[in-house]
């Protein structure tokens, strides 16, 4: 039987690494589009079985070149998203609205079997966020252009290569105190990249036609609880200090001037809203693929990099030391 071909945009990121392994392991060929094959090519090639990965170097708005790829594809997956805007054309409107609309139109034109688009949880409520409104507009445009679409809305996605748990552990290691925005009460249902990749594969292989699915982890954690878990894992004690909103807004104005902002005003607005299942849509558990990986258990596997002693702080070395002492 001829292997299916899956066209992936954003495959060099966190989710892409796990997804490529999952798809190629199950005999699905992937064509990964990247802007810089010299920087990303080696990493992408090591994620799957030889002969099942093809890499194309293209800019995402080179429509004529992109369209050629659709003539050979069965599926299309869009993983591209940004957390902040910059002056190089990476605006929320371009990345979250215009580009996904283009992909949906090409899916329709070439009659693909399925289009899976990764959006974000909680965007219906965050009406004052440019990030959320651009995501929502993109979803609406996609669904109006290509009916064989499934939109996945994950809560925060974590893994050993994320910009969430790793960044917070870096900050918690360095800072004597850490600000709690909105008193740290914002709720999340963190989902591991492995669980999300399993959901994507399940949607493709079982032809799931549900148009919007909320993808959540197996537990609800507040922002404060997440920080406390991370502190425990790296063996640090820090003061978690609730920050007044006026001061938080001022700090966001300053931080967003950095090349890679620690916090933007738009992200601060997003933090007002819980990032958990809304009850308005089906979840990954409802379609038969519940998340299995818990936040603390998985982060523990790579948190040693942020502890004093690094790899020598792991239980393996601690237990050996204790045996020698006894």
C-alpha atoms as a PDB file:
ATOM      1  CA  UNK A   1       0.000   0.000   0.000  1.00  0.00           C
ATOM      2  CA  UNK A   2       1.307   3.446  -0.941  1.00  0.00           C
ATOM      3  CA  UNK A   3       2.388   5.492   2.056  1.00  0.00           C
ATOM      4  CA  UNK A   4       0.375   8.628   2.725  1.00  0.00           C
ATOM      5  CA  UNK A   5       2.168  11.945   2.391  1.00  0.00           C
ATOM      6  CA  UNK A   6       1.720  14.623   5.041  1.00  0.00           C
ATOM      7  CA  UNK A   7       2.717  18.229   4.447  1.00  0.00           C
ATOM      8  CA  UNK A   8       3.832  19.934   7.686  1.00  0.00           C
ATOM      9  CA  UNK A   9       4.351  23.626   8.265  1.00  0.00           C
ATOM     10  CA  UNK A  10       6.238  24.485  11.454  1.00  0.00           C
ATOM     11  CA  UNK A  11       7.782  21.034  11.768  1.00  0.00           C
ATOM     12  CA  UNK A  12      11.074  22.255  13.229  1.00  0.00           C
ATOM     13  CA  UNK A  13       9.461  23.403  16.470  1.00  0.00           C
ATOM     14  CA  UNK A  14       8.658  21.610  19.703  1.00  0.00           C
ATOM     15  CA  UNK A  15       5.494  19.822  18.545  1.00  0.00           C
ATOM     16  CA  UNK A  16       6.977  19.049  15.147  1.00  0.00           C
ATOM     17  CA  UNK A  17       9.813  16.973  16.579  1.00  0.00           C
ATOM     18  CA  UNK A  18       7.416  14.648  18.399  1.00  0.00           C
ATOM     19  CA  UNK A  19       4.894  14.595  15.557  1.00  0.00           C
ATOM     20  CA  UNK A  20       7.402  13.674  12.845  1.00  0.00           C
ATOM     21  CA  UNK A  21       8.560  10.681  14.894  1.00  0.00           C
ATOM     22  CA  UNK A  22       4.971   9.587  15.447  1.00  0.00           C
ATOM     23  CA  UNK A  23       3.950   9.859  11.789  1.00  0.00           C
ATOM     24  CA  UNK A  24       7.036   8.269  10.227  1.00  0.00           C
ATOM     25  CA  UNK A  25       6.928   5.440  12.750  1.00  0.00           C
ATOM     26  CA  UNK A  26       3.452   4.696  11.403  1.00  0.00           C
ATOM     27  CA  UNK A  27       4.523   4.738   7.736  1.00  0.00           C
ATOM     28  CA  UNK A  28       3.352   8.229   6.866  1.00  0.00           C
ATOM     29  CA  UNK A  29       5.787  10.210   4.744  1.00  0.00           C
ATOM     30  CA  UNK A  30       6.282  13.813   5.785  1.00  0.00           C
ATOM     31  CA  UNK A  31       7.314  16.849   3.808  1.00  0.00           C
ATOM     32  CA  UNK A  32       8.486  19.546   6.209  1.00  0.00           C
ATOM     33  CA  UNK A  33       8.573  23.160   5.081  1.00  0.00           C
ATOM     34  CA  UNK A  34      11.196  25.356   6.738  1.00  0.00           C
ATOM     35  CA  UNK A  35      12.569  28.833   6.075  1.00  0.00           C
ATOM     36  CA  UNK A  36      16.186  27.816   6.674  1.00  0.00           C
ATOM     37  CA  UNK A  37      17.202  24.277   5.864  1.00  0.00           C
ATOM     38  CA  UNK A  38      20.821  24.931   6.947  1.00  0.00           C
ATOM     39  CA  UNK A  39      19.731  25.744  10.507  1.00  0.00           C
ATOM     40  CA  UNK A  40      16.854  23.296  10.848  1.00  0.00           C
ATOM     41  CA  UNK A  41      17.567  20.514   8.354  1.00  0.00           C
ATOM     42  CA  UNK A  42      19.799  18.301  10.489  1.00  0.00           C
ATOM     43  CA  UNK A  43      17.421  18.413  13.449  1.00  0.00           C
ATOM     44  CA  UNK A  44      14.430  17.552  11.259  1.00  0.00           C
ATOM     45  CA  UNK A  45      16.222  14.659   9.539  1.00  0.00           C
ATOM     46  CA  UNK A  46      17.021  12.993  12.846  1.00  0.00           C
ATOM     47  CA  UNK A  47      13.371  12.929  13.966  1.00  0.00           C
ATOM     48  CA  UNK A  48      12.114  10.109  11.754  1.00  0.00           C
ATOM     49  CA  UNK A  49      12.907   7.036   9.697  1.00  0.00           C
ATOM     50  CA  UNK A  50      15.176   7.426   6.673  1.00  0.00           C
ATOM     51  CA  UNK A  51      13.256   7.723   3.420  1.00  0.00           C
ATOM     52  CA  UNK A  52      10.162   9.073   5.153  1.00  0.00           C
ATOM     53  CA  UNK A  53      11.272  12.714   5.522  1.00  0.00           C
ATOM     54  CA  UNK A  54      11.598  15.343   2.825  1.00  0.00           C
ATOM     55  CA  UNK A  55      12.585  18.935   3.623  1.00  0.00           C
ATOM     56  CA  UNK A  56      11.659  21.963   1.526  1.00  0.00           C
ATOM     57  CA  UNK A  57      13.138  25.414   2.077  1.00  0.00           C
ATOM     58  CA  UNK A  58      10.436  27.985   1.422  1.00  0.00           C
ATOM     59  CA  UNK A  59       9.102  31.209   2.855  1.00  0.00           C
ATOM     60  CA  UNK A  60       5.516  30.740   3.959  1.00  0.00           C
ATOM     61  CA  UNK A  61       4.055  33.336   1.609  1.00  0.00           C
ATOM     62  CA  UNK A  62       5.697  32.025  -1.570  1.00  0.00           C
ATOM     63  CA  UNK A  63       2.302  30.821  -2.739  1.00  0.00           C
ATOM     64  CA  UNK A  64       3.301  29.451  -6.135  1.00  0.00           C
ATOM     65  CA  UNK A  65       6.091  27.319  -4.682  1.00  0.00           C
ATOM     66  CA  UNK A  66       3.956  26.157  -1.764  1.00  0.00           C
ATOM     67  CA  UNK A  67       1.117  25.112  -4.046  1.00  0.00           C
ATOM     68  CA  UNK A  68       3.357  22.642  -5.877  1.00  0.00           C
ATOM     69  CA  UNK A  69       3.735  20.719  -2.623  1.00  0.00           C
ATOM     70  CA  UNK A  70      -0.030  20.312  -2.251  1.00  0.00           C
ATOM     71  CA  UNK A  71      -0.321  18.386  -5.529  1.00  0.00           C
ATOM     72  CA  UNK A  72       1.530  15.462  -3.915  1.00  0.00           C
ATOM     73  CA  UNK A  73       0.049  15.667  -0.402  1.00  0.00           C
ATOM     74  CA  UNK A  74      -2.749  13.710   1.265  1.00  0.00           C
ATOM     75  CA  UNK A  75      -2.795  15.658   4.520  1.00  0.00           C
ATOM     76  CA  UNK A  76      -1.682  19.079   5.676  1.00  0.00           C
ATOM     77  CA  UNK A  77      -0.789  20.073   9.245  1.00  0.00           C
ATOM     78  CA  UNK A  78      -0.134  23.651  10.325  1.00  0.00           C
ATOM     79  CA  UNK A  79       1.884  24.034  13.524  1.00  0.00           C
ATOM     80  CA  UNK A  80       3.026  27.615  12.936  1.00  0.00           C
ATOM     81  CA  UNK A  81       2.259  30.168  15.620  1.00  0.00           C
ATOM     82  CA  UNK A  82       3.926  33.067  17.394  1.00  0.00           C
ATOM     83  CA  UNK A  83       3.642  34.447  20.930  1.00  0.00           C
ATOM     84  CA  UNK A  84       4.723  37.976  20.091  1.00  0.00           C
ATOM     85  CA  UNK A  85       4.995  40.197  17.024  1.00  0.00           C
ATOM     86  CA  UNK A  86       8.145  41.680  15.482  1.00  0.00           C
ATOM     87  CA  UNK A  87       9.015  44.105  12.711  1.00  0.00           C
ATOM     88  CA  UNK A  88      10.002  41.386  10.232  1.00  0.00           C
ATOM     89  CA  UNK A  89       6.450  40.691   9.111  1.00  0.00           C
ATOM     90  CA  UNK A  90       5.730  38.200  11.883  1.00  0.00           C
ATOM     91  CA  UNK A  91       2.458  39.778  12.951  1.00  0.00           C
ATOM     92  CA  UNK A  92      -0.459  37.942  14.527  1.00  0.00           C
ATOM     93  CA  UNK A  93      -2.577  38.844  11.498  1.00  0.00           C
ATOM     94  CA  UNK A  94      -0.082  37.384   9.010  1.00  0.00           C
ATOM     95  CA  UNK A  95       0.784  34.222  10.916  1.00  0.00           C
ATOM     96  CA  UNK A  96      -2.516  33.311  12.613  1.00  0.00           C
ATOM     97  CA  UNK A  97      -5.062  34.575  10.087  1.00  0.00           C
ATOM     98  CA  UNK A  98      -3.779  35.155   6.556  1.00  0.00           C
ATOM     99  CA  UNK A  99      -1.400  32.192   6.284  1.00  0.00           C
ATOM    100  CA  UNK A 100      -3.790  29.500   7.637  1.00  0.00           C
ATOM    101  CA  UNK A 101      -6.489  30.848   5.298  1.00  0.00           C
ATOM    102  CA  UNK A 102      -4.106  30.378   2.378  1.00  0.00           C
ATOM    103  CA  UNK A 103      -3.435  26.781   3.429  1.00  0.00           C
ATOM    104  CA  UNK A 104      -7.159  26.024   3.716  1.00  0.00           C
ATOM    105  CA  UNK A 105      -7.776  27.355   0.209  1.00  0.00           C
ATOM    106  CA  UNK A 106      -4.963  25.222  -1.206  1.00  0.00           C
ATOM    107  CA  UNK A 107      -6.308  22.170   0.647  1.00  0.00           C
ATOM    108  CA  UNK A 108      -9.650  22.711  -1.040  1.00  0.00           C
ATOM    109  CA  UNK A 109      -8.154  23.367  -4.459  1.00  0.00           C
ATOM    110  CA  UNK A 110      -6.147  20.136  -4.369  1.00  0.00           C
ATOM    111  CA  UNK A 111      -8.818  18.107  -2.566  1.00  0.00           C
ATOM    112  CA  UNK A 112      -6.701  16.942   0.367  1.00  0.00           C
ATOM    113  CA  UNK A 113      -8.088  14.295   2.676  1.00  0.00           C
ATOM    114  CA  UNK A 114      -7.638  16.344   5.865  1.00  0.00           C
ATOM    115  CA  UNK A 115      -6.265  19.616   7.221  1.00  0.00           C
ATOM    116  CA  UNK A 116      -5.232  19.804  10.887  1.00  0.00           C
ATOM    117  CA  UNK A 117      -4.634  23.278  12.276  1.00  0.00           C
ATOM    118  CA  UNK A 118      -3.143  23.935  15.718  1.00  0.00           C
ATOM    119  CA  UNK A 119      -4.819  26.893  17.374  1.00  0.00           C
ATOM    120  CA  UNK A 120      -5.003  27.732  21.095  1.00  0.00           C
ATOM    121  CA  UNK A 121      -7.277  27.111  24.062  1.00  0.00           C
ATOM    122  CA  UNK A 122      -9.356  29.910  25.559  1.00  0.00           C
ATOM    123  CA  UNK A 123      -9.370  32.271  22.576  1.00  0.00           C
ATOM    124  CA  UNK A 124     -13.155  32.689  22.632  1.00  0.00           C
ATOM    125  CA  UNK A 125     -12.992  34.514  25.957  1.00  0.00           C
ATOM    126  CA  UNK A 126      -9.843  36.600  25.464  1.00  0.00           C
ATOM    127  CA  UNK A 127     -11.519  39.192  23.265  1.00  0.00           C
ATOM    128  CA  UNK A 128      -9.089  41.954  24.323  1.00  0.00           C
ATOM    129  CA  UNK A 129      -6.026  40.009  23.111  1.00  0.00           C
ATOM    130  CA  UNK A 130      -4.641  40.526  19.593  1.00  0.00           C
ATOM    131  CA  UNK A 131      -3.155  37.037  19.765  1.00  0.00           C
ATOM    132  CA  UNK A 132      -6.504  35.435  20.583  1.00  0.00           C
ATOM    133  CA  UNK A 133      -8.553  37.473  18.107  1.00  0.00           C
ATOM    134  CA  UNK A 134      -6.131  36.656  15.264  1.00  0.00           C
ATOM    135  CA  UNK A 135      -6.323  32.953  16.136  1.00  0.00           C
ATOM    136  CA  UNK A 136     -10.118  33.027  16.208  1.00  0.00           C
ATOM    137  CA  UNK A 137     -10.374  34.877  12.899  1.00  0.00           C
ATOM    138  CA  UNK A 138      -7.992  32.362  11.359  1.00  0.00           C
ATOM    139  CA  UNK A 139     -10.143  29.455  12.582  1.00  0.00           C
ATOM    140  CA  UNK A 140     -13.293  30.997  11.112  1.00  0.00           C
ATOM    141  CA  UNK A 141     -11.608  31.576   7.757  1.00  0.00           C
ATOM    142  CA  UNK A 142     -10.268  28.025   7.640  1.00  0.00           C
ATOM    143  CA  UNK A 143     -13.621  26.416   8.367  1.00  0.00           C
ATOM    144  CA  UNK A 144     -15.370  28.571   5.760  1.00  0.00           C
ATOM    145  CA  UNK A 145     -12.846  27.549   3.087  1.00  0.00           C
ATOM    146  CA  UNK A 146     -12.240  23.836   3.745  1.00  0.00           C
ATOM    147  CA  UNK A 147     -14.769  21.591   5.436  1.00  0.00           C
ATOM    148  CA  UNK A 148     -12.404  18.638   5.970  1.00  0.00           C
ATOM    149  CA  UNK A 149     -10.586  20.533   8.706  1.00  0.00           C
ATOM    150  CA  UNK A 150      -9.962  19.703  12.348  1.00  0.00           C
ATOM    151  CA  UNK A 151      -8.854  22.546  14.591  1.00  0.00           C
ATOM    152  CA  UNK A 152      -7.003  21.500  17.736  1.00  0.00           C
ATOM    153  CA  UNK A 153      -6.943  23.939  20.631  1.00  0.00           C
ATOM    154  CA  UNK A 154      -4.246  22.833  23.098  1.00  0.00           C
ATOM    155  CA  UNK A 155      -3.613  24.255  26.516  1.00  0.00           C
ATOM    156  CA  UNK A 156       0.032  25.101  27.169  1.00  0.00           C
ATOM    157  CA  UNK A 157       2.246  22.442  25.526  1.00  0.00           C
ATOM    158  CA  UNK A 158       5.334  21.287  27.404  1.00  0.00           C
ATOM    159  CA  UNK A 159       8.351  19.041  26.821  1.00  0.00           C
ATOM    160  CA  UNK A 160      12.123  19.119  27.258  1.00  0.00           C
ATOM    161  CA  UNK A 161      12.375  21.488  24.262  1.00  0.00           C
ATOM    162  CA  UNK A 162       9.560  23.898  25.152  1.00  0.00           C
ATOM    163  CA  UNK A 163       9.633  27.623  25.897  1.00  0.00           C
ATOM    164  CA  UNK A 164       7.460  27.165  28.965  1.00  0.00           C
ATOM    165  CA  UNK A 165       8.845  24.876  31.659  1.00  0.00           C
ATOM    166  CA  UNK A 166      12.466  25.371  30.557  1.00  0.00           C
ATOM    167  CA  UNK A 167      12.221  29.158  30.521  1.00  0.00           C
ATOM    168  CA  UNK A 168      10.528  29.302  33.909  1.00  0.00           C
ATOM    169  CA  UNK A 169      13.152  27.005  35.454  1.00  0.00           C
ATOM    170  CA  UNK A 170      15.871  29.262  34.064  1.00  0.00           C
ATOM    171  CA  UNK A 171      14.242  32.343  35.584  1.00  0.00           C
ATOM    172  CA  UNK A 172      13.493  30.628  38.895  1.00  0.00           C
ATOM    173  CA  UNK A 173      17.100  29.496  39.144  1.00  0.00           C
ATOM    174  CA  UNK A 174      18.425  33.034  38.613  1.00  0.00           C
ATOM    175  CA  UNK A 175      15.908  35.319  40.318  1.00  0.00           C
ATOM    176  CA  UNK A 176      15.531  35.657  44.100  1.00  0.00           C
ATOM    177  CA  UNK A 177      11.809  36.358  43.713  1.00  0.00           C
ATOM    178  CA  UNK A 178       9.250  35.787  40.987  1.00  0.00           C
ATOM    179  CA  UNK A 179       6.148  37.863  40.181  1.00  0.00           C
ATOM    180  CA  UNK A 180       2.695  36.306  40.340  1.00  0.00           C
ATOM    181  CA  UNK A 181       0.423  37.947  37.819  1.00  0.00           C
ATOM    182  CA  UNK A 182      -3.251  37.928  38.833  1.00  0.00           C
ATOM    183  CA  UNK A 183      -2.091  36.337  42.105  1.00  0.00           C
ATOM    184  CA  UNK A 184      -1.083  33.189  40.224  1.00  0.00           C
ATOM    185  CA  UNK A 185      -4.677  31.970  40.078  1.00  0.00           C
ATOM    186  CA  UNK A 186      -4.915  31.469  36.299  1.00  0.00           C
ATOM    187  CA  UNK A 187      -5.653  27.803  35.589  1.00  0.00           C
ATOM    188  CA  UNK A 188      -3.968  25.608  32.991  1.00  0.00           C
ATOM    189  CA  UNK A 189      -4.236  22.003  31.822  1.00  0.00           C
ATOM    190  CA  UNK A 190      -0.686  21.423  30.480  1.00  0.00           C
ATOM    191  CA  UNK A 191      -0.457  18.809  27.734  1.00  0.00           C
ATOM    192  CA  UNK A 192       2.782  17.059  26.834  1.00  0.00           C
ATOM    193  CA  UNK A 193       3.917  17.249  23.196  1.00  0.00           C
ATOM    194  CA  UNK A 194       3.777  13.437  23.042  1.00  0.00           C
ATOM    195  CA  UNK A 195       0.098  13.405  24.000  1.00  0.00           C
ATOM    196  CA  UNK A 196      -0.694  16.160  21.489  1.00  0.00           C
ATOM    197  CA  UNK A 197       1.139  14.269  18.731  1.00  0.00           C
ATOM    198  CA  UNK A 198      -0.919  11.186  19.562  1.00  0.00           C
ATOM    199  CA  UNK A 199      -4.090  13.266  19.188  1.00  0.00           C
ATOM    200  CA  UNK A 200      -3.002  14.564  15.770  1.00  0.00           C
ATOM    201  CA  UNK A 201      -2.185  11.062  14.530  1.00  0.00           C
ATOM    202  CA  UNK A 202      -5.485   9.745  15.908  1.00  0.00           C
ATOM    203  CA  UNK A 203      -7.409  12.477  14.078  1.00  0.00           C
ATOM    204  CA  UNK A 204      -5.713  11.661  10.773  1.00  0.00           C
ATOM    205  CA  UNK A 205      -5.754   7.874  10.982  1.00  0.00           C
ATOM    206  CA  UNK A 206      -9.357   7.656  12.204  1.00  0.00           C
ATOM    207  CA  UNK A 207     -10.724  10.438   9.978  1.00  0.00           C
ATOM    208  CA  UNK A 208     -12.093  12.380  12.934  1.00  0.00           C
ATOM    209  CA  UNK A 209     -14.436  14.980  11.470  1.00  0.00           C
ATOM    210  CA  UNK A 210     -15.030  16.977  14.656  1.00  0.00           C
ATOM    211  CA  UNK A 211     -14.129  20.518  13.638  1.00  0.00           C
ATOM    212  CA  UNK A 212     -12.914  21.899  16.977  1.00  0.00           C
ATOM    213  CA  UNK A 213     -11.258  19.773  19.674  1.00  0.00           C
ATOM    214  CA  UNK A 214      -9.826  21.118  22.909  1.00  0.00           C
ATOM    215  CA  UNK A 215      -6.597  19.305  23.783  1.00  0.00           C
ATOM    216  CA  UNK A 216      -5.839  19.206  27.488  1.00  0.00           C
ATOM    217  CA  UNK A 217      -3.622  17.360  29.916  1.00  0.00           C
ATOM    218  CA  UNK A 218      -4.850  15.090  32.722  1.00  0.00           C
ATOM    219  CA  UNK A 219      -4.779  17.741  35.499  1.00  0.00           C
ATOM    220  CA  UNK A 220      -5.689  21.346  36.301  1.00  0.00           C
ATOM    221  CA  UNK A 221      -2.878  23.476  37.730  1.00  0.00           C
ATOM    222  CA  UNK A 222      -2.790  27.136  38.643  1.00  0.00           C
ATOM    223  CA  UNK A 223       0.116  29.297  37.550  1.00  0.00           C
ATOM    224  CA  UNK A 224       1.310  29.403  41.159  1.00  0.00           C
ATOM    225  CA  UNK A 225       1.117  25.607  41.474  1.00  0.00           C
ATOM    226  CA  UNK A 226       3.163  25.223  38.290  1.00  0.00           C
ATOM    227  CA  UNK A 227       5.884  27.488  39.678  1.00  0.00           C
ATOM    228  CA  UNK A 228       5.872  25.616  42.995  1.00  0.00           C
ATOM    229  CA  UNK A 229       6.275  22.295  41.172  1.00  0.00           C
ATOM    230  CA  UNK A 230       9.199  23.652  39.162  1.00  0.00           C
ATOM    231  CA  UNK A 231      10.876  25.065  42.285  1.00  0.00           C
ATOM    232  CA  UNK A 232      10.568  21.688  43.976  1.00  0.00           C
ATOM    233  CA  UNK A 233      12.067  19.909  40.980  1.00  0.00           C
ATOM    234  CA  UNK A 234      15.129  22.154  40.820  1.00  0.00           C
ATOM    235  CA  UNK A 235      15.548  22.255  44.612  1.00  0.00           C
ATOM    236  CA  UNK A 236      15.180  26.015  44.941  1.00  0.00           C
ATOM    237  CA  UNK A 237      13.281  28.265  47.332  1.00  0.00           C
ATOM    238  CA  UNK A 238      12.049  31.559  45.916  1.00  0.00           C
ATOM    239  CA  UNK A 239       9.609  34.221  47.007  1.00  0.00           C
ATOM    240  CA  UNK A 240       6.515  34.157  44.787  1.00  0.00           C
ATOM    241  CA  UNK A 241       5.252  37.702  45.019  1.00  0.00           C
ATOM    242  CA  UNK A 242       1.784  38.823  43.800  1.00  0.00           C
ATOM    243  CA  UNK A 243       2.335  41.826  41.530  1.00  0.00           C
ATOM    244  CA  UNK A 244      -0.130  44.761  41.317  1.00  0.00           C
ATOM    245  CA  UNK A 245      -1.672  45.035  37.860  1.00  0.00           C
ATOM    246  CA  UNK A 246      -0.365  48.568  37.324  1.00  0.00           C
ATOM    247  CA  UNK A 247       3.196  47.418  37.973  1.00  0.00           C
ATOM    248  CA  UNK A 248       2.680  44.328  35.826  1.00  0.00           C
ATOM    249  CA  UNK A 249       1.567  46.493  32.898  1.00  0.00           C
ATOM    250  CA  UNK A 250       4.608  48.718  33.310  1.00  0.00           C
ATOM    251  CA  UNK A 251       6.981  45.750  33.393  1.00  0.00           C
ATOM    252  CA  UNK A 252       5.296  44.273  30.289  1.00  0.00           C
ATOM    253  CA  UNK A 253       5.837  47.560  28.428  1.00  0.00           C
ATOM    254  CA  UNK A 254       9.537  47.309  29.200  1.00  0.00           C
ATOM    255  CA  UNK A 255       9.954  43.565  28.607  1.00  0.00           C
ATOM    256  CA  UNK A 256       8.270  43.675  25.185  1.00  0.00           C
ATOM    257  CA  UNK A 257      11.064  45.940  23.910  1.00  0.00           C
ATOM    258  CA  UNK A 258      13.509  43.017  24.161  1.00  0.00           C
ATOM    259  CA  UNK A 259      14.305  40.951  21.010  1.00  0.00           C
ATOM    260  CA  UNK A 260      12.756  37.935  22.764  1.00  0.00           C
ATOM    261  CA  UNK A 261      10.284  39.441  25.240  1.00  0.00           C
ATOM    262  CA  UNK A 262       9.864  37.807  28.640  1.00  0.00           C
ATOM    263  CA  UNK A 263       6.356  39.279  28.758  1.00  0.00           C
ATOM    264  CA  UNK A 264       4.259  41.491  26.485  1.00  0.00           C
ATOM    265  CA  UNK A 265       1.162  43.544  27.212  1.00  0.00           C
ATOM    266  CA  UNK A 266      -0.858  41.153  25.071  1.00  0.00           C
ATOM    267  CA  UNK A 267       0.422  38.115  26.976  1.00  0.00           C
ATOM    268  CA  UNK A 268      -0.456  39.843  30.220  1.00  0.00           C
ATOM    269  CA  UNK A 269      -4.026  40.264  29.006  1.00  0.00           C
ATOM    270  CA  UNK A 270      -4.145  36.573  28.075  1.00  0.00           C
ATOM    271  CA  UNK A 271      -3.139  35.617  31.615  1.00  0.00           C
ATOM    272  CA  UNK A 272      -6.462  36.946  32.894  1.00  0.00           C
ATOM    273  CA  UNK A 273      -8.249  33.984  31.369  1.00  0.00           C
ATOM    274  CA  UNK A 274      -8.170  30.354  32.458  1.00  0.00           C
ATOM    275  CA  UNK A 275      -6.597  27.986  29.940  1.00  0.00           C
ATOM    276  CA  UNK A 276      -8.743  24.927  30.631  1.00  0.00           C
ATOM    277  CA  UNK A 277     -11.447  22.955  28.826  1.00  0.00           C
ATOM    278  CA  UNK A 278     -14.483  25.166  28.259  1.00  0.00           C
ATOM    279  CA  UNK A 279     -17.119  22.441  28.067  1.00  0.00           C
ATOM    280  CA  UNK A 280     -18.359  23.915  24.773  1.00  0.00           C
ATOM    281  CA  UNK A 281     -16.365  21.570  22.548  1.00  0.00           C
ATOM    282  CA  UNK A 282     -15.200  17.973  22.580  1.00  0.00           C
ATOM    283  CA  UNK A 283     -11.859  17.276  24.198  1.00  0.00           C
ATOM    284  CA  UNK A 284      -9.180  14.774  23.230  1.00  0.00           C
ATOM    285  CA  UNK A 285     -10.610  12.430  25.889  1.00  0.00           C
ATOM    286  CA  UNK A 286     -14.027  12.638  24.222  1.00  0.00           C
ATOM    287  CA  UNK A 287     -12.605  11.358  20.924  1.00  0.00           C
ATOM    288  CA  UNK A 288     -10.918   8.430  22.665  1.00  0.00           C
ATOM    289  CA  UNK A 289      -7.375   9.677  23.178  1.00  0.00           C
ATOM    290  CA  UNK A 290      -7.016  11.052  26.727  1.00  0.00           C
ATOM    291  CA  UNK A 291      -3.711  12.543  27.861  1.00  0.00           C
ATOM    292  CA  UNK A 292      -1.591  10.274  30.048  1.00  0.00           C
ATOM    293  CA  UNK A 293       1.476  12.309  30.925  1.00  0.00           C
ATOM    294  CA  UNK A 294       1.465  14.447  34.085  1.00  0.00           C
ATOM    295  CA  UNK A 295       3.358  17.711  34.306  1.00  0.00           C
ATOM    296  CA  UNK A 296       5.511  16.983  37.360  1.00  0.00           C
ATOM    297  CA  UNK A 297       6.405  13.443  36.289  1.00  0.00           C
ATOM    298  CA  UNK A 298       7.595  14.502  32.840  1.00  0.00           C
ATOM    299  CA  UNK A 299       9.412  17.705  33.799  1.00  0.00           C
ATOM    300  CA  UNK A 300      11.261  15.722  36.475  1.00  0.00           C
ATOM    301  CA  UNK A 301      12.982  13.786  33.690  1.00  0.00           C
ATOM    302  CA  UNK A 302      14.845  16.855  32.422  1.00  0.00           C
ATOM    303  CA  UNK A 303      14.751  19.281  35.363  1.00  0.00           C
ATOM    304  CA  UNK A 304      18.195  18.136  36.594  1.00  0.00           C
ATOM    305  CA  UNK A 305      19.739  20.524  34.069  1.00  0.00           C
ATOM    306  CA  UNK A 306      18.578  23.413  36.258  1.00  0.00           C
ATOM    307  CA  UNK A 307      19.704  21.933  39.602  1.00  0.00           C
ATOM    308  CA  UNK A 308      23.013  22.506  41.310  1.00  0.00           C
ATOM    309  CA  UNK A 309      25.251  19.702  40.111  1.00  0.00           C
ATOM    310  CA  UNK A 310      23.376  19.128  36.868  1.00  0.00           C
ATOM    311  CA  UNK A 311      23.247  15.467  35.895  1.00  0.00           C
ATOM    312  CA  UNK A 312      25.068  14.539  39.123  1.00  0.00           C
ATOM    313  CA  UNK A 313      22.005  15.715  41.072  1.00  0.00           C
ATOM    314  CA  UNK A 314      19.824  12.942  39.673  1.00  0.00           C
ATOM    315  CA  UNK A 315      18.533  10.094  41.805  1.00  0.00           C
ATOM    316  CA  UNK A 316      20.931   7.730  40.066  1.00  0.00           C
ATOM    317  CA  UNK A 317      23.996   9.511  41.469  1.00  0.00           C
ATOM    318  CA  UNK A 318      22.383  10.380  44.789  1.00  0.00           C
ATOM    319  CA  UNK A 319      21.517   6.726  45.468  1.00  0.00           C
ATOM    320  CA  UNK A 320      25.038   5.594  44.500  1.00  0.00           C
ATOM    321  CA  UNK A 321      26.562   8.156  46.877  1.00  0.00           C
ATOM    322  CA  UNK A 322      24.325   7.057  49.726  1.00  0.00           C
ATOM    323  CA  UNK A 323      25.249   3.399  49.144  1.00  0.00           C
ATOM    324  CA  UNK A 324      28.970   4.236  49.355  1.00  0.00           C
ATOM    325  CA  UNK A 325      28.453   6.151  52.609  1.00  0.00           C
ATOM    326  CA  UNK A 326      26.571   3.246  54.163  1.00  0.00           C
END
